[in-house]
Amino acid sequence: MGEQTTGRSALSEQHGGGFGQGEPNTAFARYFTGNSYLKPLTGPKETVFIANVTFEPGCRNNWHIHRAKSGGGQILICVDGEGWYQEDGKPAQSLKPGDVVTIPAGVKHWHGAKANCWFSHLAVECPGEDTSNEWLEPVADDIYNQLSRN
């Protein structure tokens, strides 16, 4: 019997935990420092949208706010590697597989990988009315690099 192939490269299966790494996140690349990968797990029009987001070492997204007239927000479920989550005005939180972060609508925050580690989380878009994402400034290198020394 011949070996079955799925058309996936070995790289796409190296990271991302049990969900796999996914494809380069080119649609949102301008909102990230470094390279990220996206593997949608559900269809946004069919149900709650869930995607596995994988960050290469040192990659993080810009500060951003999930907006909603009511409801909304985001849940992060960490599945692989180690990363950071930080809300504006609060200390950064170290993240590892099994950690869950609940982010209410209207909270300015960022998340991403630690400097020396790949990191993946499931991003769950919470249902709400008039939801949107407001992308803001990048996380300053000096702020991020200070975290990486901890």
N, C-alpha and C. Protein backbone atom coordinates (compact mmCIF):
# COMPACT_ATOMS: atom_id res chain seq x y z
N MET A 1 0.83 -1.18 0.00
CA MET A 1 0.00 0.00 0.00
C MET A 1 0.87 1.24 0.00
N GLY A 2 0.47 2.22 -0.79
CA GLY A 2 1.19 3.48 -0.83
C GLY A 2 0.87 4.34 0.38
N GLU A 3 1.77 5.30 0.64
CA GLU A 3 1.59 6.20 1.78
C GLU A 3 0.69 7.35 1.37
N GLN A 4 -0.29 7.66 2.21
CA GLN A 4 -1.18 8.78 1.92
C GLN A 4 -0.52 10.08 2.29
N THR A 5 -0.73 11.10 1.48
CA THR A 5 -0.24 12.43 1.82
C THR A 5 -1.42 13.37 1.88
N THR A 6 -1.26 14.40 2.69
CA THR A 6 -2.35 15.37 2.86
C THR A 6 -2.06 16.68 2.16
N GLY A 7 -0.88 16.80 1.56
CA GLY A 7 -0.52 18.05 0.92
C GLY A 7 0.04 19.07 1.90
N ARG A 8 0.18 18.70 3.17
CA ARG A 8 0.74 19.61 4.16
C ARG A 8 2.23 19.43 4.23
N SER A 9 2.94 20.52 4.43
CA SER A 9 4.39 20.42 4.57
C SER A 9 4.72 20.00 6.00
N ALA A 10 5.92 19.51 6.18
CA ALA A 10 6.37 19.13 7.52
C ALA A 10 6.37 20.34 8.44
N LEU A 11 6.70 21.53 7.91
CA LEU A 11 6.72 22.74 8.72
C LEU A 11 5.36 23.02 9.31
N SER A 12 4.29 22.79 8.55
CA SER A 12 2.96 23.14 9.03
C SER A 12 2.51 22.24 10.17
N GLU A 13 3.20 21.14 10.41
CA GLU A 13 2.83 20.24 11.50
C GLU A 13 3.80 20.31 12.68
N GLN A 14 4.85 21.12 12.58
CA GLN A 14 5.83 21.20 13.65
C GLN A 14 5.29 21.90 14.89
N HIS A 15 4.44 22.89 14.70
CA HIS A 15 3.97 23.72 15.79
C HIS A 15 2.45 23.79 15.76
N GLY A 16 1.88 24.38 16.78
CA GLY A 16 0.43 24.55 16.80
C GLY A 16 -0.29 23.54 17.68
N GLY A 17 0.46 22.70 18.39
CA GLY A 17 -0.20 21.71 19.23
C GLY A 17 -0.92 20.69 18.37
N GLY A 18 -1.96 20.09 18.91
CA GLY A 18 -2.71 19.06 18.21
C GLY A 18 -3.50 19.57 17.02
N PHE A 19 -3.63 20.87 16.88
CA PHE A 19 -4.41 21.45 15.78
C PHE A 19 -3.58 21.74 14.54
N GLY A 20 -2.25 21.75 14.66
CA GLY A 20 -1.38 22.07 13.54
C GLY A 20 -1.18 23.56 13.39
N GLN A 21 -0.14 23.89 12.68
CA GLN A 21 0.31 25.29 12.57
C GLN A 21 -0.54 26.15 11.66
N GLY A 22 -1.06 25.61 10.60
CA GLY A 22 -1.82 26.42 9.66
C GLY A 22 -0.95 27.12 8.64
N GLU A 23 -1.54 28.10 8.00
CA GLU A 23 -0.87 28.82 6.91
C GLU A 23 -0.40 30.19 7.37
N PRO A 24 0.59 30.79 6.68
CA PRO A 24 1.02 32.14 7.04
C PRO A 24 -0.17 33.09 7.12
N ASN A 25 -0.20 33.88 8.16
CA ASN A 25 -1.30 34.79 8.45
C ASN A 25 -1.11 36.10 7.68
N THR A 26 -1.11 36.02 6.36
CA THR A 26 -0.81 37.18 5.52
C THR A 26 -1.88 38.26 5.58
N ALA A 27 -3.14 37.89 5.78
CA ALA A 27 -4.22 38.87 5.80
C ALA A 27 -4.09 39.85 6.96
N PHE A 28 -3.48 39.41 8.06
CA PHE A 28 -3.34 40.27 9.24
C PHE A 28 -1.89 40.59 9.56
N ALA A 29 -0.96 40.28 8.65
CA ALA A 29 0.47 40.44 8.92
C ALA A 29 0.84 41.86 9.35
N ARG A 30 0.13 42.85 8.84
CA ARG A 30 0.47 44.24 9.18
C ARG A 30 0.20 44.56 10.65
N TYR A 31 -0.54 43.71 11.35
CA TYR A 31 -0.86 43.91 12.76
C TYR A 31 0.01 43.07 13.69
N PHE A 32 1.06 42.45 13.14
CA PHE A 32 1.94 41.59 13.92
C PHE A 32 3.39 42.02 13.75
N THR A 33 4.18 41.87 14.82
CA THR A 33 5.63 41.97 14.74
C THR A 33 6.12 40.53 14.67
N GLY A 34 6.73 40.14 13.56
CA GLY A 34 7.14 38.76 13.36
C GLY A 34 6.07 38.00 12.58
N ASN A 35 6.31 36.71 12.40
CA ASN A 35 5.41 35.89 11.59
C ASN A 35 4.45 35.09 12.45
N SER A 36 3.20 35.07 12.00
CA SER A 36 2.17 34.27 12.66
C SER A 36 1.50 33.39 11.62
N TYR A 37 0.79 32.38 12.10
CA TYR A 37 0.13 31.40 11.24
C TYR A 37 -1.29 31.20 11.74
N LEU A 38 -2.20 30.95 10.82
CA LEU A 38 -3.61 30.85 11.17
C LEU A 38 -4.20 29.55 10.64
N LYS A 39 -4.90 28.85 11.51
CA LYS A 39 -5.61 27.64 11.11
C LYS A 39 -7.06 27.75 11.60
N PRO A 40 -7.98 28.23 10.74
CA PRO A 40 -9.38 28.30 11.15
C PRO A 40 -9.91 26.90 11.45
N LEU A 41 -10.66 26.78 12.54
CA LEU A 41 -11.23 25.50 12.94
C LEU A 41 -12.74 25.45 12.72
N THR A 42 -13.37 26.61 12.68
CA THR A 42 -14.81 26.69 12.42
C THR A 42 -15.07 27.81 11.41
N GLY A 43 -16.21 27.75 10.76
CA GLY A 43 -16.60 28.79 9.82
C GLY A 43 -17.29 29.94 10.55
N PRO A 44 -16.86 31.18 10.35
CA PRO A 44 -17.42 32.30 11.10
C PRO A 44 -18.91 32.53 10.84
N LYS A 45 -19.41 32.12 9.69
CA LYS A 45 -20.81 32.33 9.39
C LYS A 45 -21.69 31.18 9.87
N GLU A 46 -21.06 30.07 10.24
CA GLU A 46 -21.81 28.88 10.65
C GLU A 46 -22.00 28.78 12.16
N THR A 47 -21.07 29.32 12.91
CA THR A 47 -21.08 29.16 14.37
C THR A 47 -20.12 30.18 14.96
N VAL A 48 -19.74 30.01 16.20
CA VAL A 48 -18.71 30.84 16.81
C VAL A 48 -17.40 30.57 16.07
N PHE A 49 -16.66 31.63 15.74
CA PHE A 49 -15.40 31.45 15.02
C PHE A 49 -14.29 31.09 16.00
N ILE A 50 -13.59 29.99 15.68
CA ILE A 50 -12.44 29.55 16.46
C ILE A 50 -11.30 29.29 15.49
N ALA A 51 -10.12 29.82 15.81
CA ALA A 51 -8.94 29.58 14.98
C ALA A 51 -7.75 29.30 15.88
N ASN A 52 -6.86 28.44 15.42
CA ASN A 52 -5.59 28.23 16.10
C ASN A 52 -4.61 29.24 15.52
N VAL A 53 -4.06 30.09 16.38
CA VAL A 53 -3.09 31.10 15.96
C VAL A 53 -1.74 30.68 16.53
N THR A 54 -0.75 30.58 15.65
CA THR A 54 0.60 30.20 16.05
C THR A 54 1.55 31.36 15.79
N PHE A 55 2.38 31.66 16.78
CA PHE A 55 3.35 32.75 16.73
C PHE A 55 4.75 32.16 16.73
N GLU A 56 5.61 32.60 15.83
CA GLU A 56 7.01 32.20 15.90
C GLU A 56 7.64 32.89 17.10
N PRO A 57 8.83 32.42 17.56
CA PRO A 57 9.47 33.08 18.70
C PRO A 57 9.61 34.60 18.45
N GLY A 58 9.23 35.37 19.45
CA GLY A 58 9.31 36.83 19.37
C GLY A 58 8.14 37.51 18.69
N CYS A 59 7.25 36.76 18.07
CA CYS A 59 6.11 37.34 17.37
C CYS A 59 5.03 37.74 18.37
N ARG A 60 4.43 38.90 18.13
CA ARG A 60 3.29 39.33 18.93
C ARG A 60 2.40 40.21 18.07
N ASN A 61 1.13 40.28 18.45
CA ASN A 61 0.24 41.17 17.71
C ASN A 61 0.27 42.56 18.32
N ASN A 62 -0.24 43.52 17.59
CA ASN A 62 -0.33 44.90 18.08
C ASN A 62 -1.34 44.97 19.22
N TRP A 63 -1.25 46.05 19.97
CA TRP A 63 -2.31 46.36 20.90
C TRP A 63 -3.60 46.40 20.09
N HIS A 64 -4.68 45.93 20.67
CA HIS A 64 -5.96 45.98 19.97
C HIS A 64 -7.11 45.89 20.97
N ILE A 65 -8.30 46.23 20.48
CA ILE A 65 -9.51 46.22 21.29
C ILE A 65 -10.61 45.52 20.49
N HIS A 66 -11.27 44.57 21.13
CA HIS A 66 -12.44 43.94 20.52
C HIS A 66 -13.64 44.79 20.92
N ARG A 67 -14.27 45.39 19.95
CA ARG A 67 -15.41 46.28 20.19
C ARG A 67 -16.72 45.52 20.02
N ALA A 68 -17.74 45.93 20.75
CA ALA A 68 -19.08 45.36 20.60
C ALA A 68 -20.09 46.29 21.28
N LYS A 69 -21.23 46.41 20.66
CA LYS A 69 -22.34 47.17 21.29
C LYS A 69 -22.82 46.42 22.53
N SER A 70 -22.86 45.08 22.43
CA SER A 70 -23.15 44.22 23.58
C SER A 70 -22.48 42.87 23.31
N GLY A 71 -22.16 42.16 24.39
CA GLY A 71 -21.47 40.88 24.24
C GLY A 71 -20.06 41.10 23.70
N GLY A 72 -19.63 40.18 22.85
CA GLY A 72 -18.32 40.31 22.20
C GLY A 72 -17.16 39.91 23.09
N GLY A 73 -15.98 40.32 22.68
CA GLY A 73 -14.76 39.97 23.37
C GLY A 73 -14.12 38.74 22.75
N GLN A 74 -13.17 38.16 23.46
CA GLN A 74 -12.39 37.04 22.94
C GLN A 74 -11.97 36.14 24.09
N ILE A 75 -11.82 34.86 23.79
CA ILE A 75 -11.25 33.90 24.73
C ILE A 75 -10.03 33.28 24.07
N LEU A 76 -8.93 33.21 24.81
CA LEU A 76 -7.72 32.54 24.34
C LEU A 76 -7.55 31.26 25.15
N ILE A 77 -7.34 30.15 24.45
CA ILE A 77 -7.07 28.87 25.10
C ILE A 77 -5.70 28.42 24.62
N CYS A 78 -4.73 28.46 25.50
CA CYS A 78 -3.35 28.17 25.12
C CYS A 78 -3.16 26.67 24.91
N VAL A 79 -2.54 26.31 23.77
CA VAL A 79 -2.42 24.90 23.41
C VAL A 79 -0.99 24.41 23.19
N ASP A 80 -0.03 25.33 23.02
CA ASP A 80 1.34 24.88 22.72
C ASP A 80 2.33 26.00 22.99
N GLY A 81 3.49 25.67 23.51
CA GLY A 81 4.56 26.64 23.71
C GLY A 81 4.31 27.56 24.89
N GLU A 82 4.97 28.73 24.85
CA GLU A 82 4.83 29.72 25.91
C GLU A 82 4.68 31.11 25.31
N GLY A 83 3.82 31.90 25.94
CA GLY A 83 3.57 33.24 25.41
C GLY A 83 3.27 34.25 26.49
N TRP A 84 2.85 35.42 26.03
CA TRP A 84 2.49 36.54 26.90
C TRP A 84 1.10 37.05 26.56
N TYR A 85 0.42 37.56 27.57
CA TYR A 85 -0.83 38.31 27.40
C TYR A 85 -0.72 39.53 28.32
N GLN A 86 -1.09 40.69 27.79
CA GLN A 86 -1.04 41.89 28.63
C GLN A 86 -2.20 42.81 28.32
N GLU A 87 -2.86 43.27 29.38
CA GLU A 87 -3.88 44.31 29.26
C GLU A 87 -3.22 45.64 29.57
N ASP A 88 -3.70 46.68 28.93
CA ASP A 88 -3.17 48.02 29.14
C ASP A 88 -3.24 48.40 30.63
N GLY A 89 -2.11 48.85 31.16
CA GLY A 89 -2.05 49.28 32.55
C GLY A 89 -1.84 48.17 33.56
N LYS A 90 -1.70 46.92 33.09
CA LYS A 90 -1.50 45.78 34.00
C LYS A 90 -0.21 45.05 33.62
N PRO A 91 0.37 44.28 34.55
CA PRO A 91 1.56 43.50 34.22
C PRO A 91 1.23 42.39 33.21
N ALA A 92 2.21 42.03 32.41
CA ALA A 92 2.04 40.92 31.46
C ALA A 92 1.90 39.61 32.21
N GLN A 93 1.11 38.70 31.65
CA GLN A 93 0.92 37.36 32.22
C GLN A 93 1.62 36.34 31.34
N SER A 94 2.40 35.46 31.97
CA SER A 94 3.02 34.36 31.25
C SER A 94 1.96 33.31 30.95
N LEU A 95 1.97 32.76 29.72
CA LEU A 95 0.98 31.77 29.31
C LEU A 95 1.65 30.47 28.89
N LYS A 96 0.98 29.36 29.23
CA LYS A 96 1.45 28.03 28.83
C LYS A 96 0.24 27.17 28.51
N PRO A 97 0.43 26.01 27.89
CA PRO A 97 -0.71 25.16 27.54
C PRO A 97 -1.63 24.91 28.73
N GLY A 98 -2.92 25.02 28.48
CA GLY A 98 -3.92 24.83 29.52
C GLY A 98 -4.43 26.13 30.10
N ASP A 99 -3.69 27.24 29.93
CA ASP A 99 -4.15 28.53 30.44
C ASP A 99 -5.28 29.06 29.56
N VAL A 100 -6.23 29.73 30.19
CA VAL A 100 -7.37 30.33 29.49
C VAL A 100 -7.45 31.80 29.89
N VAL A 101 -7.59 32.67 28.90
CA VAL A 101 -7.70 34.10 29.13
C VAL A 101 -9.03 34.57 28.57
N THR A 102 -9.83 35.22 29.42
CA THR A 102 -11.10 35.79 28.98
C THR A 102 -10.91 37.29 28.83
N ILE A 103 -11.19 37.81 27.64
CA ILE A 103 -10.96 39.22 27.34
C ILE A 103 -12.30 39.89 27.01
N PRO A 104 -12.82 40.69 27.92
CA PRO A 104 -14.10 41.36 27.64
C PRO A 104 -13.94 42.37 26.50
N ALA A 105 -15.03 42.67 25.85
CA ALA A 105 -15.02 43.73 24.84
C ALA A 105 -14.59 45.04 25.51
N GLY A 106 -13.87 45.86 24.74
CA GLY A 106 -13.45 47.17 25.23
C GLY A 106 -12.13 47.20 25.96
N VAL A 107 -11.46 46.06 26.13
CA VAL A 107 -10.19 45.99 26.87
C VAL A 107 -9.02 46.02 25.88
N LYS A 108 -8.16 47.02 26.02
CA LYS A 108 -6.96 47.13 25.18
C LYS A 108 -5.94 46.10 25.66
N HIS A 109 -5.39 45.31 24.72
CA HIS A 109 -4.48 44.22 25.09
C HIS A 109 -3.65 43.79 23.89
N TRP A 110 -2.69 42.89 24.16
CA TRP A 110 -1.92 42.22 23.11
C TRP A 110 -1.55 40.82 23.63
N HIS A 111 -1.15 39.95 22.70
CA HIS A 111 -0.69 38.61 23.06
C HIS A 111 0.29 38.12 22.00
N GLY A 112 1.17 37.20 22.42
CA GLY A 112 2.14 36.66 21.48
C GLY A 112 3.11 35.72 22.16
N ALA A 113 4.11 35.29 21.40
CA ALA A 113 5.09 34.31 21.86
C ALA A 113 6.16 34.97 22.73
N LYS A 114 6.74 34.15 23.58
CA LYS A 114 7.95 34.59 24.27
C LYS A 114 9.08 34.63 23.25
N ALA A 115 10.17 35.31 23.60
CA ALA A 115 11.25 35.56 22.64
C ALA A 115 11.92 34.29 22.13
N ASN A 116 11.95 33.26 22.95
CA ASN A 116 12.70 32.05 22.57
C ASN A 116 11.80 30.82 22.40
N CYS A 117 10.50 31.03 22.17
CA CYS A 117 9.59 29.90 22.14
C CYS A 117 8.45 30.13 21.15
N TRP A 118 8.10 29.10 20.41
CA TRP A 118 6.87 29.14 19.63
C TRP A 118 5.70 29.15 20.59
N PHE A 119 4.54 29.66 20.14
CA PHE A 119 3.36 29.73 21.00
C PHE A 119 2.11 29.62 20.14
N SER A 120 1.14 28.84 20.61
CA SER A 120 -0.15 28.72 19.91
C SER A 120 -1.30 28.82 20.89
N HIS A 121 -2.34 29.50 20.46
CA HIS A 121 -3.58 29.54 21.23
C HIS A 121 -4.77 29.44 20.30
N LEU A 122 -5.85 28.89 20.82
CA LEU A 122 -7.12 28.97 20.12
C LEU A 122 -7.69 30.35 20.43
N ALA A 123 -8.10 31.06 19.40
CA ALA A 123 -8.76 32.34 19.56
C ALA A 123 -10.24 32.13 19.28
N VAL A 124 -11.05 32.42 20.28
CA VAL A 124 -12.50 32.25 20.17
C VAL A 124 -13.13 33.63 20.14
N GLU A 125 -13.82 33.94 19.06
CA GLU A 125 -14.53 35.22 18.96
C GLU A 125 -15.88 35.06 19.65
N CYS A 126 -16.09 35.82 20.72
CA CYS A 126 -17.35 35.73 21.45
C CYS A 126 -18.45 36.45 20.68
N PRO A 127 -19.62 35.84 20.59
CA PRO A 127 -20.72 36.48 19.88
C PRO A 127 -21.14 37.79 20.55
N GLY A 128 -21.59 38.71 19.74
CA GLY A 128 -22.06 39.99 20.26
C GLY A 128 -22.73 40.78 19.17
N GLU A 129 -23.19 41.94 19.54
CA GLU A 129 -23.86 42.84 18.60
C GLU A 129 -22.87 43.89 18.11
N ASP A 130 -22.82 44.09 16.80
CA ASP A 130 -21.93 45.08 16.17
C ASP A 130 -20.47 44.88 16.62
N THR A 131 -19.95 43.66 16.49
CA THR A 131 -18.57 43.37 16.89
C THR A 131 -17.59 43.83 15.82
N SER A 132 -16.43 44.25 16.27
CA SER A 132 -15.34 44.64 15.37
C SER A 132 -14.04 44.58 16.15
N ASN A 133 -12.95 44.68 15.44
CA ASN A 133 -11.63 44.66 16.05
C ASN A 133 -10.93 45.96 15.69
N GLU A 134 -10.47 46.69 16.67
CA GLU A 134 -9.73 47.94 16.44
C GLU A 134 -8.25 47.67 16.68
N TRP A 135 -7.46 47.70 15.60
CA TRP A 135 -6.02 47.48 15.70
C TRP A 135 -5.34 48.79 16.01
N LEU A 136 -4.39 48.75 16.96
CA LEU A 136 -3.70 49.94 17.43
C LEU A 136 -2.20 49.81 17.18
N GLU A 137 -1.39 50.49 17.97
CA GLU A 137 0.05 50.55 17.78
C GLU A 137 0.73 49.22 18.13
N PRO A 138 1.90 48.98 17.52
CA PRO A 138 2.68 47.79 17.90
C PRO A 138 3.15 47.87 19.35
N VAL A 139 3.41 46.72 19.95
CA VAL A 139 4.02 46.66 21.27
C VAL A 139 5.47 47.11 21.09
N ALA A 140 5.88 48.11 21.85
CA ALA A 140 7.23 48.66 21.72
C ALA A 140 8.27 47.58 22.03
N ASP A 141 9.33 47.56 21.22
CA ASP A 141 10.40 46.57 21.41
C ASP A 141 10.98 46.62 22.82
N ASP A 142 11.19 47.82 23.37
CA ASP A 142 11.80 47.90 24.70
C ASP A 142 10.90 47.30 25.77
N ILE A 143 9.59 47.47 25.64
CA ILE A 143 8.64 46.86 26.59
C ILE A 143 8.67 45.34 26.44
N TYR A 144 8.59 44.86 25.21
CA TYR A 144 8.59 43.41 24.96
C TYR A 144 9.92 42.78 25.41
N ASN A 145 11.03 43.41 25.06
CA ASN A 145 12.35 42.86 25.41
C ASN A 145 12.55 42.80 26.93
N GLN A 146 11.97 43.75 27.66
CA GLN A 146 12.06 43.71 29.12
C GLN A 146 11.35 42.47 29.67
N LEU A 147 10.19 42.13 29.08
CA LEU A 147 9.46 40.93 29.51
C LEU A 147 10.29 39.69 29.27
N SER A 148 10.96 39.65 28.14
CA SER A 148 11.72 38.46 27.74
C SER A 148 12.90 38.20 28.65
N ARG A 149 13.32 39.19 29.40
CA ARG A 149 14.43 38.99 30.34
C ARG A 149 13.93 38.41 31.66
N ASN A 150 12.62 38.40 31.86
CA ASN A 150 12.04 37.90 33.12
C ASN A 150 11.90 36.38 33.09
